[in-house]
Amino acid sequence: MEVNDELVDKIAALAKLEFKGEEKEAIKGDMQRILNFIDKLGEVDTEGVEPLVYMTDESLKLRADEVDQNISQDEALRNAPDKDSDYFKVPKVLKK
């Protein structure tokens, strides 16, 4: 597959990007090298190789949840940038 200006423009539009001049030529070169690498991977003999589901055969070792340290409400609010007696104050994020 050959990377041309039309392909770069199409992918740039899908990604909401804009390339001009030297930048466009650099992207074309990068995309062509990526496609060449993928073609090279296609040459590798994978006959008899099972697909990987996980990178290792080890399973995760879970630990029990244990409370290590408790802090009081006053300690939690001590370094808050904005607070109101017992609560953190945060900027309004929802518009009605």
N, C-alpha and C. Protein backbone atom coordinates (compact mmCIF):
# COMPACT_ATOMS: atom_id res chain seq x y z
N MET A 1 0.84 -1.17 0.00
CA MET A 1 0.00 0.00 0.00
C MET A 1 0.89 1.24 0.00
N GLU A 2 0.53 2.19 -0.84
CA GLU A 2 1.32 3.41 -0.93
C GLU A 2 0.59 4.56 -0.24
N VAL A 3 1.33 5.30 0.55
CA VAL A 3 0.77 6.45 1.24
C VAL A 3 0.89 7.67 0.33
N ASN A 4 -0.25 8.28 0.00
CA ASN A 4 -0.24 9.46 -0.85
C ASN A 4 -0.93 10.62 -0.12
N ASP A 5 -0.96 11.78 -0.77
CA ASP A 5 -1.56 12.97 -0.15
C ASP A 5 -3.03 12.76 0.17
N GLU A 6 -3.74 12.07 -0.70
CA GLU A 6 -5.17 11.83 -0.48
C GLU A 6 -5.41 11.01 0.79
N LEU A 7 -4.61 9.96 1.00
CA LEU A 7 -4.73 9.13 2.20
C LEU A 7 -4.41 9.93 3.45
N VAL A 8 -3.34 10.72 3.40
CA VAL A 8 -2.95 11.54 4.56
C VAL A 8 -4.06 12.54 4.88
N ASP A 9 -4.64 13.16 3.85
CA ASP A 9 -5.72 14.13 4.07
C ASP A 9 -6.94 13.46 4.69
N LYS A 10 -7.26 12.26 4.22
CA LYS A 10 -8.43 11.54 4.74
C LYS A 10 -8.23 11.18 6.22
N ILE A 11 -7.06 10.62 6.54
CA ILE A 11 -6.77 10.23 7.92
C ILE A 11 -6.69 11.46 8.82
N ALA A 12 -6.10 12.54 8.31
CA ALA A 12 -6.01 13.78 9.08
C ALA A 12 -7.40 14.32 9.38
N ALA A 13 -8.31 14.26 8.40
CA ALA A 13 -9.68 14.74 8.62
C ALA A 13 -10.38 13.89 9.67
N LEU A 14 -10.19 12.58 9.62
CA LEU A 14 -10.81 11.70 10.61
C LEU A 14 -10.28 11.96 12.01
N ALA A 15 -9.00 12.29 12.09
CA ALA A 15 -8.37 12.55 13.39
C ALA A 15 -8.46 14.02 13.79
N LYS A 16 -9.13 14.82 12.96
CA LYS A 16 -9.27 16.26 13.23
C LYS A 16 -7.90 16.93 13.35
N LEU A 17 -7.00 16.56 12.42
CA LEU A 17 -5.66 17.14 12.36
C LEU A 17 -5.49 17.88 11.04
N GLU A 18 -4.45 18.69 10.97
CA GLU A 18 -4.17 19.42 9.74
C GLU A 18 -2.66 19.42 9.51
N PHE A 19 -2.23 18.94 8.34
CA PHE A 19 -0.82 18.90 7.99
C PHE A 19 -0.60 19.69 6.71
N LYS A 20 0.47 20.47 6.67
CA LYS A 20 0.81 21.25 5.48
C LYS A 20 2.31 21.19 5.25
N GLY A 21 2.69 21.26 3.99
CA GLY A 21 4.10 21.38 3.60
C GLY A 21 4.98 20.25 4.09
N GLU A 22 6.07 20.64 4.74
CA GLU A 22 7.06 19.66 5.21
C GLU A 22 6.46 18.70 6.23
N GLU A 23 5.56 19.21 7.03
CA GLU A 23 4.91 18.37 8.05
C GLU A 23 4.15 17.22 7.39
N LYS A 24 3.45 17.52 6.29
CA LYS A 24 2.70 16.51 5.56
C LYS A 24 3.64 15.46 4.96
N GLU A 25 4.75 15.92 4.42
CA GLU A 25 5.73 14.99 3.84
C GLU A 25 6.34 14.09 4.92
N ALA A 26 6.59 14.66 6.10
CA ALA A 26 7.14 13.86 7.20
C ALA A 26 6.13 12.80 7.65
N ILE A 27 4.85 13.17 7.73
CA ILE A 27 3.81 12.21 8.12
C ILE A 27 3.70 11.11 7.07
N LYS A 28 3.76 11.48 5.80
CA LYS A 28 3.70 10.47 4.73
C LYS A 28 4.84 9.46 4.88
N GLY A 29 6.04 9.97 5.17
CA GLY A 29 7.19 9.09 5.36
C GLY A 29 7.01 8.17 6.56
N ASP A 30 6.53 8.74 7.66
CA ASP A 30 6.30 7.94 8.87
C ASP A 30 5.26 6.85 8.62
N MET A 31 4.17 7.22 7.96
CA MET A 31 3.11 6.25 7.69
C MET A 31 3.61 5.14 6.75
N GLN A 32 4.43 5.50 5.78
CA GLN A 32 4.97 4.49 4.86
C GLN A 32 5.89 3.53 5.60
N ARG A 33 6.71 4.05 6.53
CA ARG A 33 7.59 3.17 7.31
C ARG A 33 6.78 2.24 8.20
N ILE A 34 5.68 2.72 8.76
CA ILE A 34 4.82 1.88 9.59
C ILE A 34 4.23 0.75 8.75
N LEU A 35 3.73 1.10 7.57
CA LEU A 35 3.13 0.08 6.70
C LEU A 35 4.19 -0.93 6.23
N ASN A 36 5.39 -0.47 5.95
CA ASN A 36 6.48 -1.39 5.56
C ASN A 36 6.80 -2.35 6.70
N PHE A 37 6.80 -1.86 7.93
CA PHE A 37 7.06 -2.70 9.09
C PHE A 37 5.97 -3.76 9.24
N ILE A 38 4.72 -3.35 9.05
CA ILE A 38 3.61 -4.30 9.15
C ILE A 38 3.72 -5.35 8.06
N ASP A 39 4.11 -4.96 6.86
CA ASP A 39 4.31 -5.93 5.78
C ASP A 39 5.40 -6.92 6.15
N LYS A 40 6.46 -6.43 6.78
CA LYS A 40 7.56 -7.32 7.19
C LYS A 40 7.08 -8.32 8.23
N LEU A 41 6.21 -7.88 9.15
CA LEU A 41 5.65 -8.80 10.14
C LEU A 41 4.83 -9.89 9.47
N GLY A 42 4.19 -9.56 8.35
CA GLY A 42 3.41 -10.54 7.63
C GLY A 42 4.25 -11.66 7.04
N GLU A 43 5.55 -11.44 6.89
CA GLU A 43 6.45 -12.46 6.35
C GLU A 43 6.87 -13.49 7.38
N VAL A 44 6.65 -13.22 8.65
CA VAL A 44 7.07 -14.12 9.73
C VAL A 44 6.19 -15.37 9.71
N ASP A 45 6.86 -16.54 9.81
CA ASP A 45 6.14 -17.82 9.83
C ASP A 45 5.56 -18.03 11.23
N THR A 46 4.24 -18.02 11.33
CA THR A 46 3.58 -18.21 12.63
C THR A 46 2.81 -19.53 12.67
N GLU A 47 3.14 -20.43 11.79
CA GLU A 47 2.48 -21.74 11.74
C GLU A 47 2.71 -22.48 13.06
N GLY A 48 1.63 -22.91 13.68
CA GLY A 48 1.71 -23.67 14.92
C GLY A 48 1.89 -22.82 16.17
N VAL A 49 1.88 -21.51 16.04
CA VAL A 49 2.03 -20.64 17.20
C VAL A 49 0.64 -20.29 17.72
N GLU A 50 0.41 -20.59 19.00
CA GLU A 50 -0.88 -20.29 19.62
C GLU A 50 -1.01 -18.79 19.87
N PRO A 51 -2.19 -18.23 19.67
CA PRO A 51 -2.37 -16.80 19.98
C PRO A 51 -2.24 -16.54 21.47
N LEU A 52 -1.67 -15.38 21.80
CA LEU A 52 -1.50 -15.00 23.20
C LEU A 52 -2.77 -14.35 23.73
N VAL A 53 -3.17 -14.78 24.90
CA VAL A 53 -4.25 -14.11 25.60
C VAL A 53 -3.63 -13.23 26.68
N TYR A 54 -2.64 -13.76 27.38
CA TYR A 54 -1.92 -13.03 28.42
C TYR A 54 -0.43 -13.12 28.12
N MET A 55 0.31 -12.13 28.55
CA MET A 55 1.75 -12.12 28.28
C MET A 55 2.51 -13.13 29.14
N THR A 56 1.98 -13.48 30.30
CA THR A 56 2.63 -14.46 31.16
C THR A 56 1.63 -15.51 31.60
N ASP A 57 2.13 -16.60 32.11
CA ASP A 57 1.27 -17.67 32.62
C ASP A 57 0.91 -17.46 34.09
N GLU A 58 1.53 -16.47 34.72
CA GLU A 58 1.28 -16.24 36.15
C GLU A 58 -0.08 -15.59 36.36
N SER A 59 -0.71 -15.93 37.47
CA SER A 59 -1.96 -15.28 37.82
C SER A 59 -1.68 -14.20 38.85
N LEU A 60 -2.59 -13.25 38.94
CA LEU A 60 -2.41 -12.16 39.89
C LEU A 60 -2.55 -12.66 41.32
N LYS A 61 -1.68 -12.17 42.16
CA LYS A 61 -1.76 -12.51 43.57
C LYS A 61 -2.47 -11.36 44.27
N LEU A 62 -3.64 -11.63 44.79
CA LEU A 62 -4.43 -10.60 45.45
C LEU A 62 -4.10 -10.55 46.93
N ARG A 63 -4.20 -9.38 47.49
CA ARG A 63 -3.97 -9.24 48.92
C ARG A 63 -5.26 -8.79 49.59
N ALA A 64 -5.35 -9.03 50.85
CA ALA A 64 -6.54 -8.63 51.60
C ALA A 64 -6.52 -7.12 51.81
N ASP A 65 -7.69 -6.50 51.74
CA ASP A 65 -7.80 -5.08 52.02
C ASP A 65 -7.69 -4.87 53.52
N GLU A 66 -6.75 -4.02 53.91
CA GLU A 66 -6.57 -3.72 55.31
C GLU A 66 -6.46 -2.22 55.48
N VAL A 67 -7.12 -1.69 56.49
CA VAL A 67 -7.04 -0.26 56.78
C VAL A 67 -5.72 0.00 57.47
N ASP A 68 -4.90 0.86 56.88
CA ASP A 68 -3.59 1.16 57.45
C ASP A 68 -3.60 2.42 58.30
N GLN A 69 -4.24 3.46 57.78
CA GLN A 69 -4.16 4.74 58.46
C GLN A 69 -5.48 5.47 58.27
N ASN A 70 -6.02 5.99 59.33
CA ASN A 70 -7.23 6.81 59.26
C ASN A 70 -6.85 8.24 59.57
N ILE A 71 -7.49 9.17 58.88
CA ILE A 71 -7.29 10.57 59.22
C ILE A 71 -8.65 11.16 59.57
N SER A 72 -8.61 12.13 60.43
CA SER A 72 -9.86 12.75 60.87
C SER A 72 -10.36 13.70 59.79
N GLN A 73 -11.61 14.12 59.94
CA GLN A 73 -12.19 15.05 58.98
C GLN A 73 -11.43 16.38 59.00
N ASP A 74 -11.03 16.82 60.16
CA ASP A 74 -10.27 18.06 60.28
C ASP A 74 -8.93 17.96 59.55
N GLU A 75 -8.26 16.82 59.70
CA GLU A 75 -6.98 16.62 59.01
C GLU A 75 -7.17 16.60 57.50
N ALA A 76 -8.24 15.97 57.03
CA ALA A 76 -8.51 15.90 55.59
C ALA A 76 -8.78 17.29 55.02
N LEU A 77 -9.49 18.11 55.77
CA LEU A 77 -9.85 19.45 55.29
C LEU A 77 -8.74 20.48 55.48
N ARG A 78 -7.74 20.13 56.27
CA ARG A 78 -6.69 21.09 56.62
C ARG A 78 -6.02 21.69 55.38
N ASN A 79 -5.69 20.88 54.37
CA ASN A 79 -4.98 21.36 53.18
C ASN A 79 -5.88 21.59 51.98
N ALA A 80 -7.18 21.54 52.19
CA ALA A 80 -8.11 21.75 51.09
C ALA A 80 -8.02 23.18 50.58
N PRO A 81 -7.98 23.37 49.27
CA PRO A 81 -7.89 24.74 48.75
C PRO A 81 -9.15 25.56 49.05
N ASP A 82 -10.30 24.90 49.14
CA ASP A 82 -11.54 25.61 49.45
C ASP A 82 -12.44 24.67 50.24
N LYS A 83 -12.93 25.13 51.37
CA LYS A 83 -13.76 24.27 52.20
C LYS A 83 -14.86 25.09 52.85
N ASP A 84 -15.87 24.40 53.34
CA ASP A 84 -17.00 25.04 54.02
C ASP A 84 -17.32 24.20 55.25
N SER A 85 -16.82 24.56 56.37
CA SER A 85 -16.95 23.86 57.64
C SER A 85 -16.61 22.38 57.52
N ASP A 86 -17.57 21.53 57.12
CA ASP A 86 -17.35 20.08 57.11
C ASP A 86 -17.14 19.49 55.71
N TYR A 87 -17.10 20.32 54.66
CA TYR A 87 -17.10 19.79 53.29
C TYR A 87 -16.03 20.44 52.42
N PHE A 88 -15.59 19.70 51.40
CA PHE A 88 -14.74 20.27 50.36
C PHE A 88 -15.64 21.07 49.43
N LYS A 89 -15.17 22.24 48.99
CA LYS A 89 -15.90 23.01 48.00
C LYS A 89 -15.18 22.84 46.66
N VAL A 90 -15.95 22.49 45.64
CA VAL A 90 -15.39 22.30 44.30
C VAL A 90 -16.18 23.15 43.32
N PRO A 91 -15.56 23.48 42.17
CA PRO A 91 -16.27 24.28 41.18
C PRO A 91 -17.48 23.52 40.62
N LYS A 92 -18.51 24.25 40.28
CA LYS A 92 -19.69 23.67 39.68
C LYS A 92 -19.34 23.16 38.29
N VAL A 93 -19.73 21.91 37.99
CA VAL A 93 -19.39 21.31 36.69
C VAL A 93 -20.62 21.02 35.84
N LEU A 94 -21.79 21.08 36.42
CA LEU A 94 -23.02 20.81 35.67
C LEU A 94 -23.78 22.11 35.46
N LYS A 95 -24.26 22.30 34.23
CA LYS A 95 -25.07 23.47 33.93
C LYS A 95 -26.51 23.06 33.82
N LYS A 96 -27.40 23.85 34.35
CA LYS A 96 -28.82 23.53 34.28
C LYS A 96 -29.50 24.40 33.25
